[in-house]
Amino acid sequence: MEAIAKDPKTGTGKKPKGSGRRLYTDENPKDTVSIKFATVADAQATARKVKRINKPFARKIQILTVLEQRAKVAGKTKQAQIAKKAKEDIRAKNKKRKT
């Protein structure tokens, strides 16, 4: 008789053997920051939101990098430039705070 392995604990990022479930699931959707870049206004609004949210420096940079890369691949260079500028602003602000 074969023992059936139980599902891994929530938050480990693993999926059960032989399961079609996603490898990584969003464990805390309330913490997720939505990213919009369809229009220039969407990209600007997202950049403003990221600048004001209460998240660590690295997380803000990570969010804006995702926005920049996705916009670049989609051929939306103006939106990618907005994300890049927002990253520079955050870096400058962070550097000023450290000195």
Protein backbone atom coordinates (compact mmCIF):
# COMPACT_ATOMS: atom_id res chain seq x y z
CA MET A 1 0.00 0.00 0.00
CA GLU A 2 1.43 3.35 -1.06
CA ALA A 3 1.36 6.28 1.33
CA ILE A 4 -0.07 9.44 -0.18
CA ALA A 5 2.19 12.43 0.51
CA LYS A 6 0.34 15.37 1.95
CA ASP A 7 0.57 18.85 0.47
CA PRO A 8 3.53 20.97 1.56
CA LYS A 9 2.92 23.77 4.04
CA THR A 10 1.51 27.01 2.70
CA GLY A 11 4.27 29.50 1.96
CA THR A 12 7.05 27.04 1.12
CA GLY A 13 6.78 27.67 -2.63
CA LYS A 14 6.68 23.93 -3.40
CA LYS A 15 3.93 22.06 -5.15
CA PRO A 16 2.80 18.54 -4.39
CA LYS A 17 4.25 15.74 -6.54
CA GLY A 18 2.06 14.90 -9.49
CA SER A 19 -0.05 17.99 -8.96
CA GLY A 20 -0.91 20.56 -11.58
CA ARG A 21 -1.04 23.31 -8.99
CA ARG A 22 1.06 26.38 -9.51
CA LEU A 23 4.57 26.30 -8.11
CA TYR A 24 4.33 29.70 -6.44
CA THR A 25 1.07 31.10 -5.16
CA ASP A 26 0.43 34.55 -3.82
CA GLU A 27 0.24 33.82 -0.10
CA ASN A 28 -0.84 37.34 0.83
CA PRO A 29 -2.73 39.04 -2.01
CA LYS A 30 -3.42 42.13 0.18
CA ASP A 31 0.33 42.85 0.09
CA THR A 32 0.48 42.74 -3.72
CA VAL A 33 1.12 45.99 -5.60
CA SER A 34 -0.70 46.11 -8.92
CA ILE A 35 1.29 47.37 -11.90
CA LYS A 36 -0.36 49.15 -14.82
CA PHE A 37 1.49 50.48 -17.86
CA ALA A 38 -1.00 50.34 -20.73
CA THR A 39 -0.99 54.13 -21.03
CA VAL A 40 1.49 56.80 -19.99
CA ALA A 41 -0.97 57.95 -17.30
CA ASP A 42 -1.16 54.37 -15.91
CA ALA A 43 2.63 54.20 -15.69
CA GLN A 44 2.82 57.59 -13.97
CA ALA A 45 0.13 56.59 -11.47
CA THR A 46 1.95 53.33 -10.69
CA ALA A 47 5.26 55.16 -10.21
CA ARG A 48 3.59 57.65 -7.83
CA LYS A 49 1.97 54.79 -5.91
CA VAL A 50 5.26 52.90 -5.54
CA LYS A 51 7.02 56.04 -4.28
CA ARG A 52 4.49 56.57 -1.50
CA ILE A 53 3.83 52.98 -0.34
CA ASN A 54 5.36 51.77 2.90
CA LYS A 55 7.70 49.09 1.56
CA PRO A 56 11.47 48.59 1.83
CA PHE A 57 13.75 50.32 -0.69
CA ALA A 58 14.65 47.05 -2.44
CA ARG A 59 10.98 46.11 -2.88
CA LYS A 60 10.18 49.47 -4.49
CA ILE A 61 13.10 49.09 -6.91
CA GLN A 62 11.97 45.54 -7.69
CA ILE A 63 8.41 46.66 -8.50
CA LEU A 64 9.62 49.45 -10.78
CA THR A 65 12.10 47.12 -12.49
CA VAL A 66 9.25 44.74 -13.32
CA LEU A 67 7.26 47.66 -14.72
CA GLU A 68 10.24 48.86 -16.77
CA GLN A 69 11.04 45.43 -18.20
CA ARG A 70 7.44 44.57 -19.06
CA ALA A 71 6.92 47.95 -20.72
CA LYS A 72 10.13 47.53 -22.75
CA VAL A 73 9.08 44.09 -23.99
CA ALA A 74 5.64 45.45 -24.88
CA GLY A 75 7.34 48.20 -26.92
CA LYS A 76 6.14 51.01 -24.65
CA THR A 77 9.37 52.98 -24.31
CA LYS A 78 7.78 56.06 -22.73
CA GLN A 79 6.35 53.97 -19.87
CA ALA A 80 9.74 52.24 -19.42
CA GLN A 81 11.41 55.66 -19.15
CA ILE A 82 8.90 56.71 -16.48
CA ALA A 83 9.75 53.61 -14.42
CA LYS A 84 13.49 54.20 -14.85
CA LYS A 85 13.17 57.83 -13.75
CA ALA A 86 11.12 56.78 -10.70
CA LYS A 87 13.85 54.29 -9.73
CA GLU A 88 16.48 57.05 -9.99
CA ASP A 89 14.33 59.33 -7.81
CA ILE A 90 13.94 56.63 -5.15
CA ARG A 91 17.69 55.91 -5.21
CA ALA A 92 18.52 59.61 -4.85
CA LYS A 93 16.08 60.02 -1.97
CA ASN A 94 17.46 56.92 -0.25
CA LYS A 95 21.06 58.13 -0.69
CA LYS A 96 20.17 61.55 0.76
CA ARG A 97 18.54 59.91 3.78
CA LYS A 98 21.65 57.82 4.50
CA THR A 99 24.02 60.80 4.59
